[in-house]
Amino acid sequence: MSLKKKIVGTPDRPRLRVFRSNNHIHAQIIDDTCHKTIVSCSTVESIIKSLKIAKTGNCMASTLVGKIIAERSLEKGIKQVVFDRGNKIYHGRIKSLAEGAREGGLNF
């Protein structure tokens, strides 16, 4: 059974979706009942680029994205999420983003 069929975001506990490419990482908090993105963050944004990180496709950049998405979600009143890693294994940059989000105050 596909992982996508098991993970569903609700208004009380939305879904934290992570997309990883070779050069960047993107995170979105999605409410699946309304089909709307509540909060998003990625390494493409100017906040990450202004920090002068040498590469955006590494674990340090992923941790920063996790912390920023946690800050933004706490501002919207979201404290608990369901973690959706897609078809990627929980390792490397995906794990770093999750740890950064936990450090920022999100609960999975």
PDB file of N, CA and C in Angstrom:
ATOM      1  N   MET A   1       0.842  -1.182   0.000  1.00  0.00           N
ATOM      2  CA  MET A   1       0.000   0.000   0.000  1.00  0.00           C
ATOM      3  C   MET A   1       0.886   1.244   0.000  1.00  0.00           C
ATOM      4  N   SER A   2       0.474   2.237  -0.725  1.00  0.00           N
ATOM      5  CA  SER A   2       1.238   3.467  -0.842  1.00  0.00           C
ATOM      6  C   SER A   2       1.215   4.263   0.454  1.00  0.00           C
ATOM      7  N   LEU A   3       2.307   4.936   0.740  1.00  0.00           N
ATOM      8  CA  LEU A   3       2.400   5.762   1.937  1.00  0.00           C
ATOM      9  C   LEU A   3       1.427   6.933   1.864  1.00  0.00           C
ATOM     10  N   LYS A   4       1.185   7.452   0.675  1.00  0.00           N
ATOM     11  CA  LYS A   4       0.287   8.597   0.492  1.00  0.00           C
ATOM     12  C   LYS A   4      -1.139   8.275   0.919  1.00  0.00           C
ATOM     13  N   LYS A   5      -1.568   7.042   0.727  1.00  0.00           N
ATOM     14  CA  LYS A   5      -2.925   6.657   1.095  1.00  0.00           C
ATOM     15  C   LYS A   5      -3.105   6.600   2.613  1.00  0.00           C
ATOM     16  N   LYS A   6      -2.037   6.423   3.349  1.00  0.00           N
ATOM     17  CA  LYS A   6      -2.119   6.300   4.796  1.00  0.00           C
ATOM     18  C   LYS A   6      -2.066   7.651   5.507  1.00  0.00           C
ATOM     19  N   ILE A   7      -1.402   8.626   4.918  1.00  0.00           N
ATOM     20  CA  ILE A   7      -1.161   9.901   5.574  1.00  0.00           C
ATOM     21  C   ILE A   7      -2.162  10.937   5.080  1.00  0.00           C
ATOM     22  N   VAL A   8      -2.938  11.489   6.013  1.00  0.00           N
ATOM     23  CA  VAL A   8      -3.933  12.506   5.673  1.00  0.00           C
ATOM     24  C   VAL A   8      -3.849  13.612   6.716  1.00  0.00           C
ATOM     25  N   GLY A   9      -3.810  14.852   6.253  1.00  0.00           N
ATOM     26  CA  GLY A   9      -3.785  16.000   7.149  1.00  0.00           C
ATOM     27  C   GLY A   9      -5.191  16.476   7.462  1.00  0.00           C
ATOM     28  N   THR A  10      -5.430  16.804   8.713  1.00  0.00           N
ATOM     29  CA  THR A  10      -6.725  17.324   9.150  1.00  0.00           C
ATOM     30  C   THR A  10      -6.528  18.758   9.633  1.00  0.00           C
ATOM     31  N   PRO A  11      -7.606  19.492   9.895  1.00  0.00           N
ATOM     32  CA  PRO A  11      -7.422  20.846  10.431  1.00  0.00           C
ATOM     33  C   PRO A  11      -6.718  20.856  11.788  1.00  0.00           C
ATOM     34  N   ASP A  12      -6.940  19.825  12.606  1.00  0.00           N
ATOM     35  CA  ASP A  12      -6.274  19.755  13.907  1.00  0.00           C
ATOM     36  C   ASP A  12      -4.815  19.354  13.781  1.00  0.00           C
ATOM     37  N   ARG A  13      -4.533  18.491  12.820  1.00  0.00           N
ATOM     38  CA  ARG A  13      -3.180  17.989  12.635  1.00  0.00           C
ATOM     39  C   ARG A  13      -2.868  17.926  11.141  1.00  0.00           C
ATOM     40  N   PRO A  14      -2.426  19.052  10.550  1.00  0.00           N
ATOM     41  CA  PRO A  14      -2.150  19.072   9.110  1.00  0.00           C
ATOM     42  C   PRO A  14      -0.907  18.256   8.745  1.00  0.00           C
ATOM     43  N   ARG A  15      -0.695  18.097   7.467  1.00  0.00           N
ATOM     44  CA  ARG A  15       0.385  17.264   6.942  1.00  0.00           C
ATOM     45  C   ARG A  15       1.593  18.119   6.588  1.00  0.00           C
ATOM     46  N   LEU A  16       2.775  17.723   7.068  1.00  0.00           N
ATOM     47  CA  LEU A  16       4.036  18.379   6.699  1.00  0.00           C
ATOM     48  C   LEU A  16       4.642  17.580   5.562  1.00  0.00           C
ATOM     49  N   ARG A  17       4.530  18.096   4.345  1.00  0.00           N
ATOM     50  CA  ARG A  17       4.999  17.418   3.145  1.00  0.00           C
ATOM     51  C   ARG A  17       6.383  17.920   2.791  1.00  0.00           C
ATOM     52  N   VAL A  18       7.299  16.989   2.526  1.00  0.00           N
ATOM     53  CA  VAL A  18       8.674  17.325   2.184  1.00  0.00           C
ATOM     54  C   VAL A  18       8.963  16.835   0.772  1.00  0.00           C
ATOM     55  N   PHE A  19       9.524  17.729  -0.049  1.00  0.00           N
ATOM     56  CA  PHE A  19       9.983  17.371  -1.386  1.00  0.00           C
ATOM     57  C   PHE A  19      11.467  17.671  -1.470  1.00  0.00           C
ATOM     58  N   ARG A  20      12.231  16.688  -1.919  1.00  0.00           N
ATOM     59  CA  ARG A  20      13.674  16.829  -2.024  1.00  0.00           C
ATOM     60  C   ARG A  20      14.097  16.648  -3.474  1.00  0.00           C
ATOM     61  N   SER A  21      14.845  17.638  -3.983  1.00  0.00           N
ATOM     62  CA  SER A  21      15.453  17.497  -5.303  1.00  0.00           C
ATOM     63  C   SER A  21      16.968  17.427  -5.098  1.00  0.00           C
ATOM     64  N   ASN A  22      17.711  17.377  -6.171  1.00  0.00           N
ATOM     65  CA  ASN A  22      19.169  17.293  -6.034  1.00  0.00           C
ATOM     66  C   ASN A  22      19.765  18.551  -5.416  1.00  0.00           C
ATOM     67  N   ASN A  23      19.187  19.709  -5.714  1.00  0.00           N
ATOM     68  CA  ASN A  23      19.768  20.972  -5.269  1.00  0.00           C
ATOM     69  C   ASN A  23      18.998  21.672  -4.167  1.00  0.00           C
ATOM     70  N   HIS A  24      17.739  21.354  -3.967  1.00  0.00           N
ATOM     71  CA  HIS A  24      16.902  22.098  -3.028  1.00  0.00           C
ATOM     72  C   HIS A  24      16.016  21.157  -2.228  1.00  0.00           C
ATOM     73  N   ILE A  25      15.409  21.713  -1.174  1.00  0.00           N
ATOM     74  CA  ILE A  25      14.416  20.987  -0.395  1.00  0.00           C
ATOM     75  C   ILE A  25      13.252  21.934  -0.118  1.00  0.00           C
ATOM     76  N   HIS A  26      12.040  21.419  -0.225  1.00  0.00           N
ATOM     77  CA  HIS A  26      10.831  22.204  -0.051  1.00  0.00           C
ATOM     78  C   HIS A  26       9.970  21.538   1.018  1.00  0.00           C
ATOM     79  N   ALA A  27       9.327  22.343   1.855  1.00  0.00           N
ATOM     80  CA  ALA A  27       8.428  21.829   2.883  1.00  0.00           C
ATOM     81  C   ALA A  27       7.140  22.644   2.864  1.00  0.00           C
ATOM     82  N   GLN A  28       6.017  21.953   2.996  1.00  0.00           N
ATOM     83  CA  GLN A  28       4.707  22.600   3.028  1.00  0.00           C
ATOM     84  C   GLN A  28       3.882  21.977   4.133  1.00  0.00           C
ATOM     85  N   ILE A  29       3.083  22.786   4.795  1.00  0.00           N
ATOM     86  CA  ILE A  29       2.109  22.270   5.741  1.00  0.00           C
ATOM     87  C   ILE A  29       0.751  22.423   5.065  1.00  0.00           C
ATOM     88  N   ILE A  30       0.068  21.286   4.871  1.00  0.00           N
ATOM     89  CA  ILE A  30      -1.130  21.225   4.044  1.00  0.00           C
ATOM     90  C   ILE A  30      -2.309  20.708   4.859  1.00  0.00           C
ATOM     91  N   ASP A  31      -3.452  21.356   4.695  1.00  0.00           N
ATOM     92  CA  ASP A  31      -4.713  20.864   5.248  1.00  0.00           C
ATOM     93  C   ASP A  31      -5.438  20.136   4.119  1.00  0.00           C
ATOM     94  N   ASP A  32      -5.521  18.809   4.216  1.00  0.00           N
ATOM     95  CA  ASP A  32      -6.091  18.015   3.132  1.00  0.00           C
ATOM     96  C   ASP A  32      -7.608  18.113   3.045  1.00  0.00           C
ATOM     97  N   THR A  33      -8.286  18.547   4.102  1.00  0.00           N
ATOM     98  CA  THR A  33      -9.734  18.676   4.021  1.00  0.00           C
ATOM     99  C   THR A  33     -10.132  19.871   3.152  1.00  0.00           C
ATOM    100  N   CYS A  34      -9.357  20.951   3.223  1.00  0.00           N
ATOM    101  CA  CYS A  34      -9.609  22.147   2.404  1.00  0.00           C
ATOM    102  C   CYS A  34      -8.767  22.169   1.134  1.00  0.00           C
ATOM    103  N   HIS A  35      -7.764  21.269   1.058  1.00  0.00           N
ATOM    104  CA  HIS A  35      -6.833  21.226  -0.068  1.00  0.00           C
ATOM    105  C   HIS A  35      -6.096  22.551  -0.213  1.00  0.00           C
ATOM    106  N   LYS A  36      -5.594  23.080   0.914  1.00  0.00           N
ATOM    107  CA  LYS A  36      -4.876  24.342   0.904  1.00  0.00           C
ATOM    108  C   LYS A  36      -3.543  24.215   1.628  1.00  0.00           C
ATOM    109  N   THR A  37      -2.562  24.926   1.112  1.00  0.00           N
ATOM    110  CA  THR A  37      -1.268  25.023   1.774  1.00  0.00           C
ATOM    111  C   THR A  37      -1.356  26.132   2.803  1.00  0.00           C
ATOM    112  N   ILE A  38      -1.030  25.812   4.043  1.00  0.00           N
ATOM    113  CA  ILE A  38      -1.103  26.791   5.125  1.00  0.00           C
ATOM    114  C   ILE A  38       0.209  27.547   5.239  1.00  0.00           C
ATOM    115  N   VAL A  39       1.320  26.811   5.245  1.00  0.00           N
ATOM    116  CA  VAL A  39       2.653  27.389   5.405  1.00  0.00           C
ATOM    117  C   VAL A  39       3.600  26.657   4.471  1.00  0.00           C
ATOM    118  N   SER A  40       4.579  27.378   3.926  1.00  0.00           N
ATOM    119  CA  SER A  40       5.588  26.724   3.099  1.00  0.00           C
ATOM    120  C   SER A  40       6.943  27.386   3.303  1.00  0.00           C
ATOM    121  N   CYS A  41       7.981  26.640   2.978  1.00  0.00           N
ATOM    122  CA  CYS A  41       9.352  27.145   3.055  1.00  0.00           C
ATOM    123  C   CYS A  41      10.230  26.277   2.161  1.00  0.00           C
ATOM    124  N   SER A  42      11.268  26.866   1.590  1.00  0.00           N
ATOM    125  CA  SER A  42      12.210  26.099   0.778  1.00  0.00           C
ATOM    126  C   SER A  42      13.553  26.805   0.742  1.00  0.00           C
ATOM    127  N   THR A  43      14.525  26.109   0.211  1.00  0.00           N
ATOM    128  CA  THR A  43      15.863  26.690   0.104  1.00  0.00           C
ATOM    129  C   THR A  43      15.962  27.685  -1.038  1.00  0.00           C
ATOM    130  N   VAL A  44      14.922  27.816  -1.835  1.00  0.00           N
ATOM    131  CA  VAL A  44      14.903  28.777  -2.938  1.00  0.00           C
ATOM    132  C   VAL A  44      14.608  30.189  -2.430  1.00  0.00           C
ATOM    133  N   GLU A  45      14.020  30.300  -1.250  1.00  0.00           N
ATOM    134  CA  GLU A  45      13.610  31.599  -0.711  1.00  0.00           C
ATOM    135  C   GLU A  45      14.805  32.490  -0.389  1.00  0.00           C
ATOM    136  N   SER A  46      14.544  33.782  -0.386  1.00  0.00           N
ATOM    137  CA  SER A  46      15.611  34.757  -0.157  1.00  0.00           C
ATOM    138  C   SER A  46      16.146  34.721   1.265  1.00  0.00           C
ATOM    139  N   ILE A  47      15.351  34.254   2.231  1.00  0.00           N
ATOM    140  CA  ILE A  47      15.827  34.161   3.622  1.00  0.00           C
ATOM    141  C   ILE A  47      16.987  33.188   3.721  1.00  0.00           C
ATOM    142  N   ILE A  48      16.861  32.051   3.090  1.00  0.00           N
ATOM    143  CA  ILE A  48      17.927  31.045   3.107  1.00  0.00           C
ATOM    144  C   ILE A  48      19.121  31.532   2.300  1.00  0.00           C
ATOM    145  N   LYS A  49      18.857  32.153   1.158  1.00  0.00           N
ATOM    146  CA  LYS A  49      19.955  32.640   0.320  1.00  0.00           C
ATOM    147  C   LYS A  49      20.719  33.780   0.982  1.00  0.00           C
ATOM    148  N   SER A  50      20.048  34.576   1.816  1.00  0.00           N
ATOM    149  CA  SER A  50      20.724  35.682   2.480  1.00  0.00           C
ATOM    150  C   SER A  50      21.673  35.200   3.574  1.00  0.00           C
ATOM    151  N   LEU A  51      21.529  33.972   4.025  1.00  0.00           N
ATOM    152  CA  LEU A  51      22.419  33.422   5.050  1.00  0.00           C
ATOM    153  C   LEU A  51      23.756  32.969   4.480  1.00  0.00           C
ATOM    154  N   LYS A  52      23.895  33.054   3.164  1.00  0.00           N
ATOM    155  CA  LYS A  52      25.147  32.734   2.466  1.00  0.00           C
ATOM    156  C   LYS A  52      25.609  31.299   2.735  1.00  0.00           C
ATOM    157  N   ILE A  53      24.686  30.361   2.626  1.00  0.00           N
ATOM    158  CA  ILE A  53      25.039  28.952   2.742  1.00  0.00           C
ATOM    159  C   ILE A  53      25.721  28.548   1.441  1.00  0.00           C
ATOM    160  N   ALA A  54      26.819  27.795   1.560  1.00  0.00           N
ATOM    161  CA  ALA A  54      27.580  27.416   0.374  1.00  0.00           C
ATOM    162  C   ALA A  54      26.743  26.584  -0.592  1.00  0.00           C
ATOM    163  N   LYS A  55      25.983  25.608  -0.062  1.00  0.00           N
ATOM    164  CA  LYS A  55      25.145  24.760  -0.899  1.00  0.00           C
ATOM    165  C   LYS A  55      23.760  24.669  -0.282  1.00  0.00           C
ATOM    166  N   THR A  56      22.745  24.659  -1.115  1.00  0.00           N
ATOM    167  CA  THR A  56      21.383  24.526  -0.601  1.00  0.00           C
ATOM    168  C   THR A  56      20.942  23.072  -0.548  1.00  0.00           C
ATOM    169  N   GLY A  57      21.712  22.178  -1.107  1.00  0.00           N
ATOM    170  CA  GLY A  57      21.359  20.763  -1.119  1.00  0.00           C
ATOM    171  C   GLY A  57      22.105  19.971  -0.079  1.00  0.00           C
ATOM    172  N   ASN A  58      22.251  20.523   1.135  1.00  0.00           N
ATOM    173  CA  ASN A  58      22.932  19.775   2.187  1.00  0.00           C
ATOM    174  C   ASN A  58      22.090  19.741   3.456  1.00  0.00           C
ATOM    175  N   CYS A  59      22.558  19.020   4.457  1.00  0.00           N
ATOM    176  CA  CYS A  59      21.797  18.824   5.690  1.00  0.00           C
ATOM    177  C   CYS A  59      21.650  20.119   6.488  1.00  0.00           C
ATOM    178  N   MET A  60      22.639  20.990   6.440  1.00  0.00           N
ATOM    179  CA  MET A  60      22.553  22.246   7.187  1.00  0.00           C
ATOM    180  C   MET A  60      21.411  23.122   6.647  1.00  0.00           C
ATOM    181  N   ALA A  61      21.277  23.193   5.340  1.00  0.00           N
ATOM    182  CA  ALA A  61      20.187  23.964   4.734  1.00  0.00           C
ATOM    183  C   ALA A  61      18.834  23.332   5.059  1.00  0.00           C
ATOM    184  N   SER A  62      18.769  22.015   5.101  1.00  0.00           N
ATOM    185  CA  SER A  62      17.525  21.325   5.430  1.00  0.00           C
ATOM    186  C   SER A  62      17.104  21.589   6.866  1.00  0.00           C
ATOM    187  N   THR A  63      18.065  21.635   7.775  1.00  0.00           N
ATOM    188  CA  THR A  63      17.761  21.937   9.177  1.00  0.00           C
ATOM    189  C   THR A  63      17.206  23.346   9.307  1.00  0.00           C
ATOM    190  N   LEU A  64      17.779  24.291   8.572  1.00  0.00           N
ATOM    191  CA  LEU A  64      17.277  25.668   8.597  1.00  0.00           C
ATOM    192  C   LEU A  64      15.852  25.763   8.057  1.00  0.00           C
ATOM    193  N   VAL A  65      15.562  25.029   6.999  1.00  0.00           N
ATOM    194  CA  VAL A  65      14.201  25.025   6.456  1.00  0.00           C
ATOM    195  C   VAL A  65      13.236  24.455   7.491  1.00  0.00           C
ATOM    196  N   GLY A  66      13.648  23.408   8.200  1.00  0.00           N
ATOM    197  CA  GLY A  66      12.809  22.828   9.244  1.00  0.00           C
ATOM    198  C   GLY A  66      12.521  23.810  10.362  1.00  0.00           C
ATOM    199  N   LYS A  67      13.533  24.556  10.782  1.00  0.00           N
ATOM    200  CA  LYS A  67      13.338  25.544  11.847  1.00  0.00           C
ATOM    201  C   LYS A  67      12.424  26.688  11.394  1.00  0.00           C
ATOM    202  N   ILE A  68      12.609  27.137  10.159  1.00  0.00           N
ATOM    203  CA  ILE A  68      11.791  28.240   9.644  1.00  0.00           C
ATOM    204  C   ILE A  68      10.337  27.807   9.480  1.00  0.00           C
ATOM    205  N   ILE A  69      10.115  26.593   8.977  1.00  0.00           N
ATOM    206  CA  ILE A  69       8.723  26.140   8.816  1.00  0.00           C
ATOM    207  C   ILE A  69       8.064  25.948  10.174  1.00  0.00           C
ATOM    208  N   ALA A  70       8.842  25.559  11.182  1.00  0.00           N
ATOM    209  CA  ALA A  70       8.293  25.430  12.539  1.00  0.00           C
ATOM    210  C   ALA A  70       7.900  26.800  13.091  1.00  0.00           C
ATOM    211  N   GLU A  71       8.746  27.810  12.891  1.00  0.00           N
ATOM    212  CA  GLU A  71       8.425  29.170  13.341  1.00  0.00           C
ATOM    213  C   GLU A  71       7.143  29.683  12.680  1.00  0.00           C
ATOM    214  N   ARG A  72       7.058  29.510  11.372  1.00  0.00           N
ATOM    215  CA  ARG A  72       5.897  30.000  10.633  1.00  0.00           C
ATOM    216  C   ARG A  72       4.622  29.269  11.037  1.00  0.00           C
ATOM    217  N   SER A  73       4.730  27.977  11.296  1.00  0.00           N
ATOM    218  CA  SER A  73       3.532  27.233  11.686  1.00  0.00           C
ATOM    219  C   SER A  73       3.096  27.578  13.097  1.00  0.00           C
ATOM    220  N   LEU A  74       4.038  27.841  13.998  1.00  0.00           N
ATOM    221  CA  LEU A  74       3.671  28.249  15.351  1.00  0.00           C
ATOM    222  C   LEU A  74       2.993  29.614  15.348  1.00  0.00           C
ATOM    223  N   GLU A  75       3.388  30.498  14.434  1.00  0.00           N
ATOM    224  CA  GLU A  75       2.712  31.785  14.293  1.00  0.00           C
ATOM    225  C   GLU A  75       1.257  31.606  13.863  1.00  0.00           C
ATOM    226  N   LYS A  76       0.987  30.567  13.069  1.00  0.00           N
ATOM    227  CA  LYS A  76      -0.383  30.274  12.620  1.00  0.00           C
ATOM    228  C   LYS A  76      -1.153  29.426  13.636  1.00  0.00           C
ATOM    229  N   GLY A  77      -0.495  29.002  14.717  1.00  0.00           N
ATOM    230  CA  GLY A  77      -1.167  28.220  15.752  1.00  0.00           C
ATOM    231  C   GLY A  77      -1.119  26.717  15.528  1.00  0.00           C
ATOM    232  N   ILE A  78      -0.236  26.247  14.682  1.00  0.00           N
ATOM    233  CA  ILE A  78      -0.102  24.816  14.406  1.00  0.00           C
ATOM    234  C   ILE A  78       1.061  24.273  15.220  1.00  0.00           C
ATOM    235  N   LYS A  79       0.774  23.309  16.077  1.00  0.00           N
ATOM    236  CA  LYS A  79       1.813  22.717  16.922  1.00  0.00           C
ATOM    237  C   LYS A  79       2.062  21.254  16.606  1.00  0.00           C
ATOM    238  N   GLN A  80       1.043  20.557  16.096  1.00  0.00           N
ATOM    239  CA  GLN A  80       1.176  19.140  15.771  1.00  0.00           C
ATOM    240  C   GLN A  80       0.912  18.926  14.294  1.00  0.00           C
ATOM    241  N   VAL A  81       1.763  18.115  13.669  1.00  0.00           N
ATOM    242  CA  VAL A  81       1.622  17.800  12.254  1.00  0.00           C
ATOM    243  C   VAL A  81       1.841  16.303  12.038  1.00  0.00           C
ATOM    244  N   VAL A  82       1.446  15.853  10.863  1.00  0.00           N
ATOM    245  CA  VAL A  82       1.732  14.501  10.404  1.00  0.00           C
ATOM    246  C   VAL A  82       2.863  14.622   9.395  1.00  0.00           C
ATOM    247  N   PHE A  83       3.949  13.880   9.571  1.00  0.00           N
ATOM    248  CA  PHE A  83       5.119  14.002   8.708  1.00  0.00           C
ATOM    249  C   PHE A  83       4.948  13.116   7.484  1.00  0.00           C
ATOM    250  N   ASP A  84       5.040  13.717   6.297  1.00  0.00           N
ATOM    251  CA  ASP A  84       4.909  13.014   5.023  1.00  0.00           C
ATOM    252  C   ASP A  84       6.211  13.166   4.257  1.00  0.00           C
ATOM    253  N   ARG A  85       6.977  12.100   4.207  1.00  0.00           N
ATOM    254  CA  ARG A  85       8.273  12.141   3.537  1.00  0.00           C
ATOM    255  C   ARG A  85       8.189  11.688   2.091  1.00  0.00           C
ATOM    256  N   GLY A  86       6.993  11.357   1.621  1.00  0.00           N
ATOM    257  CA  GLY A  86       6.831  10.878   0.252  1.00  0.00           C
ATOM    258  C   GLY A  86       7.401   9.484   0.116  1.00  0.00           C
ATOM    259  N   ASN A  87       8.083   9.219  -0.968  1.00  0.00           N
ATOM    260  CA  ASN A  87       8.673   7.906  -1.166  1.00  0.00           C
ATOM    261  C   ASN A  87      10.151   7.875  -0.790  1.00  0.00           C
ATOM    262  N   LYS A  88      10.633   8.912  -0.135  1.00  0.00           N
ATOM    263  CA  LYS A  88      12.043   8.989   0.269  1.00  0.00           C
ATOM    264  C   LYS A  88      12.234   8.323   1.633  1.00  0.00           C
ATOM    265  N   ILE A  89      13.415   7.771   1.861  1.00  0.00           N
ATOM    266  CA  ILE A  89      13.685   7.163   3.148  1.00  0.00           C
ATOM    267  C   ILE A  89      14.007   8.243   4.173  1.00  0.00           C
ATOM    268  N   TYR A  90      13.767   7.935   5.434  1.00  0.00           N
ATOM    269  CA  TYR A  90      14.004   8.886   6.532  1.00  0.00           C
ATOM    270  C   TYR A  90      15.491   8.865   6.847  1.00  0.00           C
ATOM    271  N   HIS A  91      16.251   9.643   6.071  1.00  0.00           N
ATOM    272  CA  HIS A  91      17.705   9.621   6.172  1.00  0.00           C
ATOM    273  C   HIS A  91      18.242  10.897   5.554  1.00  0.00           C
ATOM    274  N   GLY A  92      19.363  11.380   6.023  1.00  0.00           N
ATOM    275  CA  GLY A  92      20.026  12.517   5.407  1.00  0.00           C
ATOM    276  C   GLY A  92      19.258  13.814   5.534  1.00  0.00           C
ATOM    277  N   ARG A  93      18.958  14.437   4.393  1.00  0.00           N
ATOM    278  CA  ARG A  93      18.305  15.752   4.389  1.00  0.00           C
ATOM    279  C   ARG A  93      16.867  15.702   4.896  1.00  0.00           C
ATOM    280  N   ILE A  94      16.159  14.604   4.648  1.00  0.00           N
ATOM    281  CA  ILE A  94      14.789  14.467   5.149  1.00  0.00           C
ATOM    282  C   ILE A  94      14.817  14.412   6.677  1.00  0.00           C
ATOM    283  N   LYS A  95      15.737  13.650   7.220  1.00  0.00           N
ATOM    284  CA  LYS A  95      15.879  13.533   8.672  1.00  0.00           C
ATOM    285  C   LYS A  95      16.309  14.867   9.284  1.00  0.00           C
ATOM    286  N   SER A  96      17.195  15.582   8.631  1.00  0.00           N
ATOM    287  CA  SER A  96      17.655  16.881   9.127  1.00  0.00           C
ATOM    288  C   SER A  96      16.519  17.889   9.180  1.00  0.00           C
ATOM    289  N   LEU A  97      15.662  17.886   8.164  1.00  0.00           N
ATOM    290  CA  LEU A  97      14.523  18.792   8.165  1.00  0.00           C
ATOM    291  C   LEU A  97      13.577  18.456   9.318  1.00  0.00           C
ATOM    292  N   ALA A  98      13.338  17.179   9.540  1.00  0.00           N
ATOM    293  CA  ALA A  98      12.451  16.763  10.629  1.00  0.00           C
ATOM    294  C   ALA A  98      13.026  17.152  11.989  1.00  0.00           C
ATOM    295  N   GLU A  99      14.308  16.972  12.172  1.00  0.00           N
ATOM    296  CA  GLU A  99      14.947  17.343  13.437  1.00  0.00           C
ATOM    297  C   GLU A  99      14.914  18.856  13.645  1.00  0.00           C
ATOM    298  N   GLY A 100      15.118  19.626  12.563  1.00  0.00           N
ATOM    299  CA  GLY A 100      15.029  21.080  12.656  1.00  0.00           C
ATOM    300  C   GLY A 100      13.623  21.538  13.030  1.00  0.00           C
ATOM    301  N   ALA A 101      12.621  20.879  12.474  1.00  0.00           N
ATOM    302  CA  ALA A 101      11.234  21.228  12.800  1.00  0.00           C
ATOM    303  C   ALA A 101      10.920  20.888  14.257  1.00  0.00           C
ATOM    304  N   ARG A 102      11.443  19.778  14.739  1.00  0.00           N
ATOM    305  CA  ARG A 102      11.240  19.417  16.155  1.00  0.00           C
ATOM    306  C   ARG A 102      11.930  20.415  17.074  1.00  0.00           C
ATOM    307  N   GLU A 103      13.148  20.832  16.708  1.00  0.00           N
ATOM    308  CA  GLU A 103      13.853  21.844  17.506  1.00  0.00           C
ATOM    309  C   GLU A 103      13.079  23.159  17.519  1.00  0.00           C
ATOM    310  N   GLY A 104      12.410  23.463  16.421  1.00  0.00           N
ATOM    311  CA  GLY A 104      11.621  24.688  16.314  1.00  0.00           C
ATOM    312  C   GLY A 104      10.316  24.648  17.089  1.00  0.00           C
ATOM    313  N   GLY A 105       9.884  23.460  17.521  1.00  0.00           N
ATOM    314  CA  GLY A 105       8.680  23.376  18.339  1.00  0.00           C
ATOM    315  C   GLY A 105       7.538  22.564  17.775  1.00  0.00           C
ATOM    316  N   LEU A 106       7.703  21.943  16.602  1.00  0.00           N
ATOM    317  CA  LEU A 106       6.637  21.105  16.050  1.00  0.00           C
ATOM    318  C   LEU A 106       6.691  19.717  16.667  1.00  0.00           C
ATOM    319  N   ASN A 107       5.523  19.098  16.810  1.00  0.00           N
ATOM    320  CA  ASN A 107       5.417  17.723  17.290  1.00  0.00           C
ATOM    321  C   ASN A 107       4.884  16.850  16.180  1.00  0.00           C
ATOM    322  N   PHE A 108       5.492  15.671  16.009  1.00  0.00           N
ATOM    323  CA  PHE A 108       5.031  14.715  15.005  1.00  0.00           C
ATOM    324  C   PHE A 108       4.326  13.587  15.714  1.00  0.00           C
TER     325      PHE A 108
END
